C-alpha atoms as a PDB file:
ATOM      1  CA  MET A   1     -86.722-192.739-112.402  1.00  0.00           C
ATOM      2  CA  ARG A   2     -89.938-191.394-110.913  1.00  0.00           C
ATOM      3  CA  THR A   3     -91.948-188.913-112.951  1.00  0.00           C
ATOM      4  CA  THR A   4     -94.101-185.969-111.970  1.00  0.00           C
ATOM      5  CA  TYR A   5     -96.383-184.050-114.299  1.00  0.00           C
ATOM      6  CA  LEU A   6     -96.728-180.290-114.091  1.00  0.00           C
ATOM      7  CA  ALA A   7     -99.024-177.972-115.986  1.00  0.00           C
ATOM      8  CA  ARG A   8     -97.665-175.796-118.774  1.00  0.00           C
ATOM      9  CA  VAL A   9     -99.884-172.810-119.557  1.00  0.00           C
ATOM     10  CA  THR A  10     -99.789-170.090-122.179  1.00  0.00           C
ATOM     11  CA  ALA A  11     -99.765-166.410-121.263  1.00  0.00           C
ATOM     12  CA  ALA A  12    -103.350-166.046-122.501  1.00  0.00           C
ATOM     13  CA  ASP A  13    -104.554-169.029-120.457  1.00  0.00           C
ATOM     14  CA  HIS A  14    -102.657-167.759-117.420  1.00  0.00           C
ATOM     15  CA  GLU A  15    -104.810-164.631-117.357  1.00  0.00           C
ATOM     16  CA  GLU A  16    -108.004-166.660-117.558  1.00  0.00           C
ATOM     17  CA  LEU A  17    -106.805-169.196-114.980  1.00  0.00           C
ATOM     18  CA  ARG A  18    -106.032-166.385-112.526  1.00  0.00           C
ATOM     19  CA  ARG A  19    -109.741-165.588-112.552  1.00  0.00           C
ATOM     20  CA  LEU A  20    -110.961-169.188-112.466  1.00  0.00           C
ATOM     21  CA  VAL A  21    -108.637-171.026-110.065  1.00  0.00           C
ATOM     22  CA  ASP A  22    -108.939-170.415-106.335  1.00  0.00           C
ATOM     23  CA  ASN A  23    -105.481-169.845-104.786  1.00  0.00           C
ATOM     24  CA  TYR A  24    -103.740-169.527-108.160  1.00  0.00           C
ATOM     25  CA  PRO A  25    -100.173-168.673-107.098  1.00  0.00           C
ATOM     26  CA  ALA A  26     -99.079-166.017-109.574  1.00  0.00           C
ATOM     27  CA  ASP A  27    -100.428-162.614-110.488  1.00  0.00           C
ATOM     28  CA  SER A  28     -98.268-162.320-113.609  1.00  0.00           C
ATOM     29  CA  TYR A  29     -97.185-164.793-116.253  1.00  0.00           C
ATOM     30  CA  GLU A  30     -93.550-163.981-115.510  1.00  0.00           C
ATOM     31  CA  LYS A  31     -94.086-164.874-111.852  1.00  0.00           C
ATOM     32  CA  TRP A  32     -95.809-168.106-112.926  1.00  0.00           C
ATOM     33  CA  LEU A  33     -92.781-169.051-115.042  1.00  0.00           C
ATOM     34  CA  PHE A  34     -90.417-168.165-112.186  1.00  0.00           C
ATOM     35  CA  LEU A  35     -92.333-170.260-109.649  1.00  0.00           C
ATOM     36  CA  GLN A  36     -92.599-173.139-112.080  1.00  0.00           C
ATOM     37  CA  SER A  37     -88.872-173.120-112.845  1.00  0.00           C
ATOM     38  CA  LYS A  38     -88.143-173.246-109.104  1.00  0.00           C
ATOM     39  CA  GLU A  39     -90.543-176.158-108.681  1.00  0.00           C
ATOM     40  CA  ILE A  40     -89.030-178.021-111.630  1.00  0.00           C
ATOM     41  CA  GLY A  41     -85.566-177.572-110.132  1.00  0.00           C
ATOM     42  CA  ASN A  42     -86.747-178.868-106.752  1.00  0.00           C
ATOM     43  CA  TRP A  43     -88.281-181.980-108.300  1.00  0.00           C
ATOM     44  CA  GLU A  44     -85.219-182.668-110.439  1.00  0.00           C
ATOM     45  CA  ARG A  45     -82.815-182.211-107.515  1.00  0.00           C
ATOM     46  CA  SER A  46     -84.884-184.803-105.655  1.00  0.00           C
ATOM     47  CA  GLY A  47     -84.324-187.305-108.444  1.00  0.00           C
ATOM     48  CA  TRP A  48     -87.607-186.920-110.294  1.00  0.00           C
ATOM     49  CA  ARG A  49     -88.122-186.476-114.017  1.00  0.00           C
ATOM     50  CA  VAL A  50     -90.477-183.567-114.785  1.00  0.00           C
ATOM     51  CA  VAL A  51     -92.843-183.678-117.746  1.00  0.00           C
ATOM     52  CA  LEU A  52     -94.799-180.549-118.648  1.00  0.00           C
ATOM     53  CA  ILE A  53     -98.354-181.120-119.854  1.00  0.00           C
ATOM     54  CA  ASP A  54    -100.363-178.420-121.629  1.00  0.00           C
ATOM     55  CA  VAL A  55    -103.337-177.349-119.505  1.00  0.00           C
ATOM     56  CA  SER A  56    -105.692-174.649-120.737  1.00  0.00           C
ATOM     57  CA  ALA A  57    -108.427-172.652-119.074  1.00  0.00           C
ATOM     58  CA  ASP A  58    -110.923-174.673-121.120  1.00  0.00           C
ATOM     59  CA  ASP A  59    -109.382-177.894-119.752  1.00  0.00           C
ATOM     60  CA  PHE A  60    -109.806-176.559-116.225  1.00  0.00           C
ATOM     61  CA  LEU A  61    -113.456-175.651-116.714  1.00  0.00           C
ATOM     62  CA  ARG A  62    -114.246-178.982-118.374  1.00  0.00           C
ATOM     63  CA  TYR A  63    -112.382-180.988-115.711  1.00  0.00           C
ATOM     64  CA  CYS A  64    -114.244-179.209-112.895  1.00  0.00           C
ATOM     65  CA  ARG A  65    -117.552-179.754-114.666  1.00  0.00           C
ATOM     66  CA  ASP A  66    -116.897-183.423-115.508  1.00  0.00           C
ATOM     67  CA  THR A  67    -115.476-184.420-112.108  1.00  0.00           C
ATOM     68  CA  ARG A  68    -117.385-181.920-109.952  1.00  0.00           C
ATOM     69  CA  ALA A  69    -114.056-180.989-108.373  1.00  0.00           C
ATOM     70  CA  SER A  70    -113.611-177.702-106.578  1.00  0.00           C
ATOM     71  CA  PRO A  71    -112.123-174.963-108.766  1.00  0.00           C
ATOM     72  CA  ASN A  72    -108.925-174.669-106.740  1.00  0.00           C
ATOM     73  CA  PHE A  73    -105.209-174.975-107.349  1.00  0.00           C
ATOM     74  CA  HIS A  74    -105.098-178.628-106.238  1.00  0.00           C
ATOM     75  CA  THR A  75    -107.646-179.457-108.921  1.00  0.00           C
ATOM     76  CA  PHE A  76    -105.652-177.472-111.478  1.00  0.00           C
ATOM     77  CA  ARG A  77    -102.515-179.480-110.662  1.00  0.00           C
ATOM     78  CA  ALA A  78    -104.421-182.763-110.899  1.00  0.00           C
ATOM     79  CA  ILE A  79    -105.335-182.098-114.529  1.00  0.00           C
ATOM     80  CA  ALA A  80    -101.742-182.490-115.744  1.00  0.00           C
ATOM     81  CA  SER A  81    -101.454-185.926-114.145  1.00  0.00           C
ATOM     82  CA  ALA A  82    -104.884-186.987-115.365  1.00  0.00           C
ATOM     83  CA  LYS A  83    -103.992-185.980-118.915  1.00  0.00           C
ATOM     84  CA  ALA A  84    -100.607-187.708-118.722  1.00  0.00           C
ATOM     85  CA  ILE A  85    -102.050-191.061-117.686  1.00  0.00           C
ATOM     86  CA  GLY A  86    -104.961-190.895-120.119  1.00  0.00           C
ATOM     87  CA  LYS A  87    -107.779-190.257-117.643  1.00  0.00           C
ATOM     88  CA  PHE A  88    -108.612-186.875-119.136  1.00  0.00           C
ATOM     89  CA  ASN A  89    -108.307-185.759-122.732  1.00  0.00           C
END
């Protein structure tokens, strides 16, 4: 079974990430959870296993600094995969 890695964030980190991440998709933590549950369902219906990886605002800042990546939502999503495969701690 194929696996995808998605970011799990806390309510406190969500507020900070809203300010840091360009094109962050949710203005409230409840909306974030709603959008994420929809995405998880879509992946699972397509035959993928979903693993949630903790990603904090500090992780985002450090990842952008270390990789010189743009502070956007694509970069944010990449952190979960990088952490899962051991390329970012």
